[in-house]
PDB file of N, CA and C in Angstrom:
ATOM      1  N   MET A   1     -14.820  -5.226  33.074  1.00  0.00           N
ATOM      2  CA  MET A   1     -15.217  -5.589  34.416  1.00  0.00           C
ATOM      3  C   MET A   1     -15.515  -4.342  35.221  1.00  0.00           C
ATOM      4  N   GLU A   2     -14.660  -3.331  35.066  1.00  0.00           N
ATOM      5  CA  GLU A   2     -14.860  -2.102  35.838  1.00  0.00           C
ATOM      6  C   GLU A   2     -16.201  -1.460  35.515  1.00  0.00           C
ATOM      7  N   LEU A   3     -16.613  -1.490  34.241  1.00  0.00           N
ATOM      8  CA  LEU A   3     -17.914  -0.926  33.875  1.00  0.00           C
ATOM      9  C   LEU A   3     -19.062  -1.711  34.509  1.00  0.00           C
ATOM     10  N   MET A   4     -18.956  -3.034  34.507  1.00  0.00           N
ATOM     11  CA  MET A   4     -20.021  -3.855  35.092  1.00  0.00           C
ATOM     12  C   MET A   4     -20.106  -3.641  36.599  1.00  0.00           C
ATOM     13  N   ILE A   5     -18.969  -3.532  37.254  1.00  0.00           N
ATOM     14  CA  ILE A   5     -18.976  -3.318  38.706  1.00  0.00           C
ATOM     15  C   ILE A   5     -19.545  -1.938  39.022  1.00  0.00           C
ATOM     16  N   ALA A   6     -19.145  -0.928  38.253  1.00  0.00           N
ATOM     17  CA  ALA A   6     -19.644   0.424  38.502  1.00  0.00           C
ATOM     18  C   ALA A   6     -21.143   0.510  38.282  1.00  0.00           C
ATOM     19  N   ALA A   7     -21.653  -0.211  37.268  1.00  0.00           N
ATOM     20  CA  ALA A   7     -23.088  -0.187  36.993  1.00  0.00           C
ATOM     21  C   ALA A   7     -23.850  -1.205  37.823  1.00  0.00           C
ATOM     22  N   ASN A   8     -23.116  -2.021  38.570  1.00  0.00           N
ATOM     23  CA  ASN A   8     -23.718  -3.076  39.400  1.00  0.00           C
ATOM     24  C   ASN A   8     -24.591  -4.006  38.557  1.00  0.00           C
ATOM     25  N   THR A   9     -24.090  -4.347  37.384  1.00  0.00           N
ATOM     26  CA  THR A   9     -24.817  -5.248  36.485  1.00  0.00           C
ATOM     27  C   THR A   9     -23.861  -6.318  35.989  1.00  0.00           C
ATOM     28  N   ILE A  10     -23.518  -7.223  36.841  1.00  0.00           N
ATOM     29  CA  ILE A  10     -22.595  -8.291  36.477  1.00  0.00           C
ATOM     30  C   ILE A  10     -23.408  -9.447  35.917  1.00  0.00           C
ATOM     31  N   THR A  11     -23.560  -9.456  34.588  1.00  0.00           N
ATOM     32  CA  THR A  11     -24.305 -10.525  33.920  1.00  0.00           C
ATOM     33  C   THR A  11     -23.514 -10.996  32.703  1.00  0.00           C
ATOM     34  N   ALA A  12     -23.830 -12.194  32.274  1.00  0.00           N
ATOM     35  CA  ALA A  12     -23.155 -12.750  31.101  1.00  0.00           C
ATOM     36  C   ALA A  12     -23.509 -11.957  29.843  1.00  0.00           C
ATOM     37  N   ALA A  13     -24.763 -11.516  29.752  1.00  0.00           N
ATOM     38  CA  ALA A  13     -25.187 -10.751  28.573  1.00  0.00           C
ATOM     39  C   ALA A  13     -24.440  -9.418  28.495  1.00  0.00           C
ATOM     40  N   HIS A  14     -24.268  -8.768  29.653  1.00  0.00           N
ATOM     41  CA  HIS A  14     -23.556  -7.495  29.676  1.00  0.00           C
ATOM     42  C   HIS A  14     -22.081  -7.714  29.331  1.00  0.00           C
ATOM     43  N   ALA A  15     -21.493  -8.758  29.867  1.00  0.00           N
ATOM     44  CA  ALA A  15     -20.094  -9.072  29.563  1.00  0.00           C
ATOM     45  C   ALA A  15     -19.929  -9.385  28.072  1.00  0.00           C
ATOM     46  N   ASP A  16     -20.872 -10.132  27.511  1.00  0.00           N
ATOM     47  CA  ASP A  16     -20.813 -10.469  26.089  1.00  0.00           C
ATOM     48  C   ASP A  16     -20.947  -9.213  25.232  1.00  0.00           C
ATOM     49  N   ALA A  17     -21.840  -8.299  25.616  1.00  0.00           N
ATOM     50  CA  ALA A  17     -22.018  -7.055  24.870  1.00  0.00           C
ATOM     51  C   ALA A  17     -20.745  -6.207  24.918  1.00  0.00           C
ATOM     52  N   LEU A  18     -20.123  -6.119  26.086  1.00  0.00           N
ATOM     53  CA  LEU A  18     -18.884  -5.355  26.210  1.00  0.00           C
ATOM     54  C   LEU A  18     -17.763  -5.984  25.390  1.00  0.00           C
ATOM     55  N   LEU A  19     -17.706  -7.307  25.388  1.00  0.00           N
ATOM     56  CA  LEU A  19     -16.686  -8.012  24.619  1.00  0.00           C
ATOM     57  C   LEU A  19     -16.845  -7.739  23.129  1.00  0.00           C
ATOM     58  N   LYS A  20     -18.074  -7.779  22.652  1.00  0.00           N
ATOM     59  CA  LYS A  20     -18.326  -7.541  21.228  1.00  0.00           C
ATOM     60  C   LYS A  20     -18.101  -6.085  20.840  1.00  0.00           C
ATOM     61  N   ALA A  21     -18.309  -5.157  21.790  1.00  0.00           N
ATOM     62  CA  ALA A  21     -18.139  -3.736  21.498  1.00  0.00           C
ATOM     63  C   ALA A  21     -16.686  -3.276  21.605  1.00  0.00           C
ATOM     64  N   THR A  22     -15.840  -4.093  22.212  1.00  0.00           N
ATOM     65  CA  THR A  22     -14.439  -3.717  22.389  1.00  0.00           C
ATOM     66  C   THR A  22     -13.650  -4.029  21.118  1.00  0.00           C
ATOM     67  N   PRO A  23     -12.914  -3.041  20.603  1.00  0.00           N
ATOM     68  CA  PRO A  23     -12.085  -3.311  19.418  1.00  0.00           C
ATOM     69  C   PRO A  23     -11.049  -4.385  19.723  1.00  0.00           C
ATOM     70  N   PRO A  24     -10.724  -5.234  18.759  1.00  0.00           N
ATOM     71  CA  PRO A  24      -9.785  -6.330  19.006  1.00  0.00           C
ATOM     72  C   PRO A  24      -8.423  -5.864  19.529  1.00  0.00           C
ATOM     73  N   GLU A  25      -7.971  -4.676  19.089  1.00  0.00           N
ATOM     74  CA  GLU A  25      -6.655  -4.195  19.516  1.00  0.00           C
ATOM     75  C   GLU A  25      -6.606  -3.900  21.008  1.00  0.00           C
ATOM     76  N   GLN A  26      -7.757  -3.663  21.630  1.00  0.00           N
ATOM     77  CA  GLN A  26      -7.804  -3.318  23.049  1.00  0.00           C
ATOM     78  C   GLN A  26      -8.024  -4.535  23.940  1.00  0.00           C
ATOM     79  N   ARG A  27      -8.222  -5.690  23.342  1.00  0.00           N
ATOM     80  CA  ARG A  27      -8.457  -6.903  24.132  1.00  0.00           C
ATOM     81  C   ARG A  27      -7.139  -7.584  24.460  1.00  0.00           C
ATOM     82  N   THR A  28      -7.117  -8.286  25.594  1.00  0.00           N
ATOM     83  CA  THR A  28      -5.884  -8.958  26.020  1.00  0.00           C
ATOM     84  C   THR A  28      -5.628 -10.238  25.240  1.00  0.00           C
ATOM     85  N   ASP A  29      -6.654 -10.817  24.634  1.00  0.00           N
ATOM     86  CA  ASP A  29      -6.467 -12.053  23.878  1.00  0.00           C
ATOM     87  C   ASP A  29      -6.150 -11.790  22.403  1.00  0.00           C
ATOM     88  N   TYR A  30      -5.934 -10.533  22.052  1.00  0.00           N
ATOM     89  CA  TYR A  30      -5.650 -10.160  20.664  1.00  0.00           C
ATOM     90  C   TYR A  30      -4.175 -10.392  20.354  1.00  0.00           C
ATOM     91  N   ALA A  31      -3.933 -11.085  19.258  1.00  0.00           N
ATOM     92  CA  ALA A  31      -2.564 -11.298  18.790  1.00  0.00           C
ATOM     93  C   ALA A  31      -2.455 -10.646  17.412  1.00  0.00           C
ATOM     94  N   PRO A  32      -1.623  -9.602  17.270  1.00  0.00           N
ATOM     95  CA  PRO A  32      -1.522  -8.950  15.966  1.00  0.00           C
ATOM     96  C   PRO A  32      -1.001  -9.922  14.920  1.00  0.00           C
ATOM     97  N   PRO A  33      -1.452  -9.771  13.676  1.00  0.00           N
ATOM     98  CA  PRO A  33      -0.984 -10.671  12.625  1.00  0.00           C
ATOM     99  C   PRO A  33       0.513 -10.506  12.399  1.00  0.00           C
ATOM    100  N   LYS A  34       1.163 -11.631  12.188  1.00  0.00           N
ATOM    101  CA  LYS A  34       2.602 -11.621  11.952  1.00  0.00           C
ATOM    102  C   LYS A  34       2.862 -11.331  10.484  1.00  0.00           C
ATOM    103  N   PRO A  35       3.906 -10.576  10.201  1.00  0.00           N
ATOM    104  CA  PRO A  35       4.225 -10.316   8.787  1.00  0.00           C
ATOM    105  C   PRO A  35       4.637 -11.610   8.087  1.00  0.00           C
ATOM    106  N   ASP A  36       4.336 -11.657   6.805  1.00  0.00           N
ATOM    107  CA  ASP A  36       4.687 -12.847   6.016  1.00  0.00           C
ATOM    108  C   ASP A  36       6.197 -13.018   5.973  1.00  0.00           C
ATOM    109  N   GLU A  37       6.603 -14.239   6.086  1.00  0.00           N
ATOM    110  CA  GLU A  37       8.029 -14.562   5.988  1.00  0.00           C
ATOM    111  C   GLU A  37       8.442 -14.505   4.519  1.00  0.00           C
ATOM    112  N   PRO A  38       9.596 -13.937   4.234  1.00  0.00           N
ATOM    113  CA  PRO A  38      10.041 -13.915   2.837  1.00  0.00           C
ATOM    114  C   PRO A  38      10.248 -15.338   2.316  1.00  0.00           C
ATOM    115  N   LYS A  39       9.858 -15.530   1.090  1.00  0.00           N
ATOM    116  CA  LYS A  39       9.969 -16.860   0.485  1.00  0.00           C
ATOM    117  C   LYS A  39      11.222 -16.917  -0.374  1.00  0.00           C
ATOM    118  N   GLY A  40      11.902 -18.015  -0.317  1.00  0.00           N
ATOM    119  CA  GLY A  40      13.072 -18.204  -1.163  1.00  0.00           C
ATOM    120  C   GLY A  40      14.349 -17.722  -0.510  1.00  0.00           C
ATOM    121  N   ASP A  41      15.404 -17.904  -1.255  1.00  0.00           N
ATOM    122  CA  ASP A  41      16.741 -17.523  -0.810  1.00  0.00           C
ATOM    123  C   ASP A  41      16.899 -16.008  -0.879  1.00  0.00           C
ATOM    124  N   PRO A  42      17.362 -15.375   0.199  1.00  0.00           N
ATOM    125  CA  PRO A  42      17.526 -13.914   0.175  1.00  0.00           C
ATOM    126  C   PRO A  42      18.477 -13.443  -0.926  1.00  0.00           C
ATOM    127  N   LEU A  43      19.501 -14.211  -1.215  1.00  0.00           N
ATOM    128  CA  LEU A  43      20.442 -13.826  -2.265  1.00  0.00           C
ATOM    129  C   LEU A  43      19.743 -13.804  -3.627  1.00  0.00           C
ATOM    130  N   GLN A  44      18.888 -14.790  -3.868  1.00  0.00           N
ATOM    131  CA  GLN A  44      18.150 -14.827  -5.136  1.00  0.00           C
ATOM    132  C   GLN A  44      17.184 -13.647  -5.221  1.00  0.00           C
ATOM    133  N   GLN A  45      16.588 -13.281  -4.096  1.00  0.00           N
ATOM    134  CA  GLN A  45      15.675 -12.143  -4.087  1.00  0.00           C
ATOM    135  C   GLN A  45      16.420 -10.852  -4.417  1.00  0.00           C
ATOM    136  N   ILE A  46      17.634 -10.707  -3.890  1.00  0.00           N
ATOM    137  CA  ILE A  46      18.435  -9.518  -4.165  1.00  0.00           C
ATOM    138  C   ILE A  46      18.807  -9.460  -5.642  1.00  0.00           C
ATOM    139  N   VAL A  47      19.211 -10.601  -6.200  1.00  0.00           N
ATOM    140  CA  VAL A  47      19.566 -10.646  -7.623  1.00  0.00           C
ATOM    141  C   VAL A  47      18.355 -10.297  -8.480  1.00  0.00           C
ATOM    142  N   LYS A  48      17.202 -10.823  -8.134  1.00  0.00           N
ATOM    143  CA  LYS A  48      15.980 -10.548  -8.878  1.00  0.00           C
ATOM    144  C   LYS A  48      15.611  -9.063  -8.783  1.00  0.00           C
ATOM    145  N   LEU A  49      15.740  -8.498  -7.592  1.00  0.00           N
ATOM    146  CA  LEU A  49      15.430  -7.090  -7.388  1.00  0.00           C
ATOM    147  C   LEU A  49      16.390  -6.208  -8.177  1.00  0.00           C
ATOM    148  N   GLU A  50      17.673  -6.555  -8.185  1.00  0.00           N
ATOM    149  CA  GLU A  50      18.650  -5.781  -8.960  1.00  0.00           C
ATOM    150  C   GLU A  50      18.339  -5.840 -10.451  1.00  0.00           C
ATOM    151  N   ARG A  51      17.921  -7.010 -10.925  1.00  0.00           N
ATOM    152  CA  ARG A  51      17.574  -7.157 -12.346  1.00  0.00           C
ATOM    153  C   ARG A  51      16.382  -6.260 -12.691  1.00  0.00           C
ATOM    154  N   LYS A  52      15.375  -6.252 -11.820  1.00  0.00           N
ATOM    155  CA  LYS A  52      14.203  -5.414 -12.070  1.00  0.00           C
ATOM    156  C   LYS A  52      14.567  -3.934 -12.020  1.00  0.00           C
ATOM    157  N   MET A  53      15.436  -3.563 -11.089  1.00  0.00           N
ATOM    158  CA  MET A  53      15.861  -2.165 -10.989  1.00  0.00           C
ATOM    159  C   MET A  53      16.615  -1.734 -12.246  1.00  0.00           C
ATOM    160  N   ARG A  54      17.442  -2.621 -12.782  1.00  0.00           N
ATOM    161  CA  ARG A  54      18.176  -2.322 -14.010  1.00  0.00           C
ATOM    162  C   ARG A  54      17.192  -2.107 -15.164  1.00  0.00           C
ATOM    163  N   GLN A  55      16.161  -2.949 -15.247  1.00  0.00           N
ATOM    164  CA  GLN A  55      15.162  -2.808 -16.297  1.00  0.00           C
ATOM    165  C   GLN A  55      14.433  -1.470 -16.175  1.00  0.00           C
ATOM    166  N   VAL A  56      14.087  -1.101 -14.951  1.00  0.00           N
ATOM    167  CA  VAL A  56      13.395   0.173 -14.731  1.00  0.00           C
ATOM    168  C   VAL A  56      14.302   1.339 -15.121  1.00  0.00           C
ATOM    169  N   GLN A  57      15.578   1.258 -14.770  1.00  0.00           N
ATOM    170  CA  GLN A  57      16.512   2.322 -15.126  1.00  0.00           C
ATOM    171  C   GLN A  57      16.653   2.451 -16.638  1.00  0.00           C
ATOM    172  N   GLU A  58      16.694   1.320 -17.337  1.00  0.00           N
ATOM    173  CA  GLU A  58      16.799   1.353 -18.795  1.00  0.00           C
ATOM    174  C   GLU A  58      15.559   1.983 -19.418  1.00  0.00           C
ATOM    175  N   LYS A  59      14.377   1.630 -18.914  1.00  0.00           N
ATOM    176  CA  LYS A  59      13.136   2.223 -19.427  1.00  0.00           C
ATOM    177  C   LYS A  59      13.120   3.727 -19.162  1.00  0.00           C
ATOM    178  N   TYR A  60      13.591   4.114 -17.985  1.00  0.00           N
ATOM    179  CA  TYR A  60      13.630   5.533 -17.633  1.00  0.00           C
ATOM    180  C   TYR A  60      14.562   6.298 -18.560  1.00  0.00           C
ATOM    181  N   LYS A  61      15.734   5.717 -18.834  1.00  0.00           N
ATOM    182  CA  LYS A  61      16.685   6.377 -19.738  1.00  0.00           C
ATOM    183  C   LYS A  61      16.090   6.549 -21.133  1.00  0.00           C
ATOM    184  N   ARG A  62      15.430   5.488 -21.629  1.00  0.00           N
ATOM    185  CA  ARG A  62      14.809   5.582 -22.963  1.00  0.00           C
ATOM    186  C   ARG A  62      13.737   6.666 -22.981  1.00  0.00           C
ATOM    187  N   ALA A  63      12.934   6.709 -21.927  1.00  0.00           N
ATOM    188  CA  ALA A  63      11.884   7.730 -21.856  1.00  0.00           C
ATOM    189  C   ALA A  63      12.496   9.118 -21.764  1.00  0.00           C
ATOM    190  N   GLU A  64      13.561   9.249 -21.002  1.00  0.00           N
ATOM    191  CA  GLU A  64      14.231  10.531 -20.839  1.00  0.00           C
ATOM    192  C   GLU A  64      14.833  11.001 -22.158  1.00  0.00           C
ATOM    193  N   GLU A  65      15.397  10.075 -22.936  1.00  0.00           N
ATOM    194  CA  GLU A  65      16.011  10.432 -24.211  1.00  0.00           C
ATOM    195  C   GLU A  65      14.981  10.884 -25.244  1.00  0.00           C
ATOM    196  N   SER A  66      13.814  10.269 -25.236  1.00  0.00           N
ATOM    197  CA  SER A  66      12.809  10.605 -26.241  1.00  0.00           C
ATOM    198  C   SER A  66      11.838  11.685 -25.768  1.00  0.00           C
ATOM    199  N   TYR A  67      11.968  12.145 -24.540  1.00  0.00           N
ATOM    200  CA  TYR A  67      11.027  13.121 -23.996  1.00  0.00           C
ATOM    201  C   TYR A  67      11.027  14.417 -24.798  1.00  0.00           C
ATOM    202  N   GLY A  68      12.207  14.936 -25.099  1.00  0.00           N
ATOM    203  CA  GLY A  68      12.298  16.214 -25.806  1.00  0.00           C
ATOM    204  C   GLY A  68      11.642  16.176 -27.171  1.00  0.00           C
ATOM    205  N   SER A  69      11.952  15.157 -27.949  1.00  0.00           N
ATOM    206  CA  SER A  69      11.377  15.080 -29.302  1.00  0.00           C
ATOM    207  C   SER A  69       9.875  14.814 -29.248  1.00  0.00           C
ATOM    208  N   GLU A  70       9.423  14.008 -28.304  1.00  0.00           N
ATOM    209  CA  GLU A  70       7.986  13.739 -28.192  1.00  0.00           C
ATOM    210  C   GLU A  70       7.235  14.989 -27.751  1.00  0.00           C
ATOM    211  N   LEU A  71       7.833  15.755 -26.839  1.00  0.00           N
ATOM    212  CA  LEU A  71       7.200  16.994 -26.405  1.00  0.00           C
ATOM    213  C   LEU A  71       7.103  17.973 -27.565  1.00  0.00           C
ATOM    214  N   LEU A  72       8.159  18.080 -28.353  1.00  0.00           N
ATOM    215  CA  LEU A  72       8.136  18.965 -29.519  1.00  0.00           C
ATOM    216  C   LEU A  72       7.049  18.533 -30.497  1.00  0.00           C
ATOM    217  N   ASN A  73       6.936  17.231 -30.751  1.00  0.00           N
ATOM    218  CA  ASN A  73       5.888  16.726 -31.654  1.00  0.00           C
ATOM    219  C   ASN A  73       4.496  17.054 -31.125  1.00  0.00           C
ATOM    220  N   LEU A  74       4.305  16.934 -29.842  1.00  0.00           N
ATOM    221  CA  LEU A  74       2.993  17.245 -29.265  1.00  0.00           C
ATOM    222  C   LEU A  74       2.669  18.726 -29.359  1.00  0.00           C
ATOM    223  N   VAL A  75       3.662  19.564 -29.117  1.00  0.00           N
ATOM    224  CA  VAL A  75       3.427  21.008 -29.215  1.00  0.00           C
ATOM    225  C   VAL A  75       3.079  21.392 -30.646  1.00  0.00           C
ATOM    226  N   VAL A  76       3.822  20.832 -31.620  1.00  0.00           N
ATOM    227  CA  VAL A  76       3.535  21.115 -33.031  1.00  0.00           C
ATOM    228  C   VAL A  76       2.164  20.584 -33.409  1.00  0.00           C
ATOM    229  N   ALA A  77       1.846  19.377 -32.967  1.00  0.00           N
ATOM    230  CA  ALA A  77       0.545  18.778 -33.287  1.00  0.00           C
ATOM    231  C   ALA A  77      -0.592  19.585 -32.667  1.00  0.00           C
ATOM    232  N   LYS A  78      -0.364  20.156 -31.511  1.00  0.00           N
ATOM    233  CA  LYS A  78      -1.398  20.953 -30.853  1.00  0.00           C
ATOM    234  C   LYS A  78      -1.587  22.283 -31.581  1.00  0.00           C
ATOM    235  N   GLY A  79      -0.506  22.874 -32.030  1.00  0.00           N
ATOM    236  CA  GLY A  79      -0.596  24.170 -32.688  1.00  0.00           C
ATOM    237  C   GLY A  79      -1.041  24.102 -34.126  1.00  0.00           C
ATOM    238  N   TYR A  80      -0.844  22.992 -34.787  1.00  0.00           N
ATOM    239  CA  TYR A  80      -1.187  22.867 -36.201  1.00  0.00           C
ATOM    240  C   TYR A  80      -2.675  23.107 -36.474  1.00  0.00           C
ATOM    241  N   PRO A  81      -3.596  22.467 -35.736  1.00  0.00           N
ATOM    242  CA  PRO A  81      -5.016  22.713 -36.031  1.00  0.00           C
ATOM    243  C   PRO A  81      -5.421  24.182 -35.839  1.00  0.00           C
ATOM    244  N   LYS A  82      -4.798  24.905 -34.931  1.00  0.00           N
ATOM    245  CA  LYS A  82      -5.128  26.315 -34.725  1.00  0.00           C
ATOM    246  C   LYS A  82      -4.734  27.150 -35.958  1.00  0.00           C
ATOM    247  N   ASN A  83      -3.587  26.793 -36.572  1.00  0.00           N
ATOM    248  CA  ASN A  83      -3.129  27.529 -37.745  1.00  0.00           C
ATOM    249  C   ASN A  83      -3.949  27.189 -38.982  1.00  0.00           C
ATOM    250  N   VAL A  84      -4.449  25.971 -39.048  1.00  0.00           N
ATOM    251  CA  VAL A  84      -5.213  25.540 -40.216  1.00  0.00           C
ATOM    252  C   VAL A  84      -6.589  26.185 -40.198  1.00  0.00           C
ATOM    253  N   LEU A  85      -7.175  26.300 -39.045  1.00  0.00           N
ATOM    254  CA  LEU A  85      -8.532  26.869 -38.945  1.00  0.00           C
ATOM    255  C   LEU A  85      -8.455  28.337 -38.941  1.00  0.00           C
TER     256      LEU A  85
END
């Protein structure tokens, strides 16, 4: 409104253009989207999350245990072709 009054051009077309050019976050009729509500029982979600965390920890431990031997195999495999040629 202030722009239209300052320019002395109070028209519907000008108001429509300003409305379309204004980002939604700056408009008074803008309602930010609400976050999704969690589905299901919170206790079940915690149990499920703990189960997944345990699985990830087990995979990490297995990877950690085999890291040294796999690294050694890769180093040997990388150096072998250099010695053969």
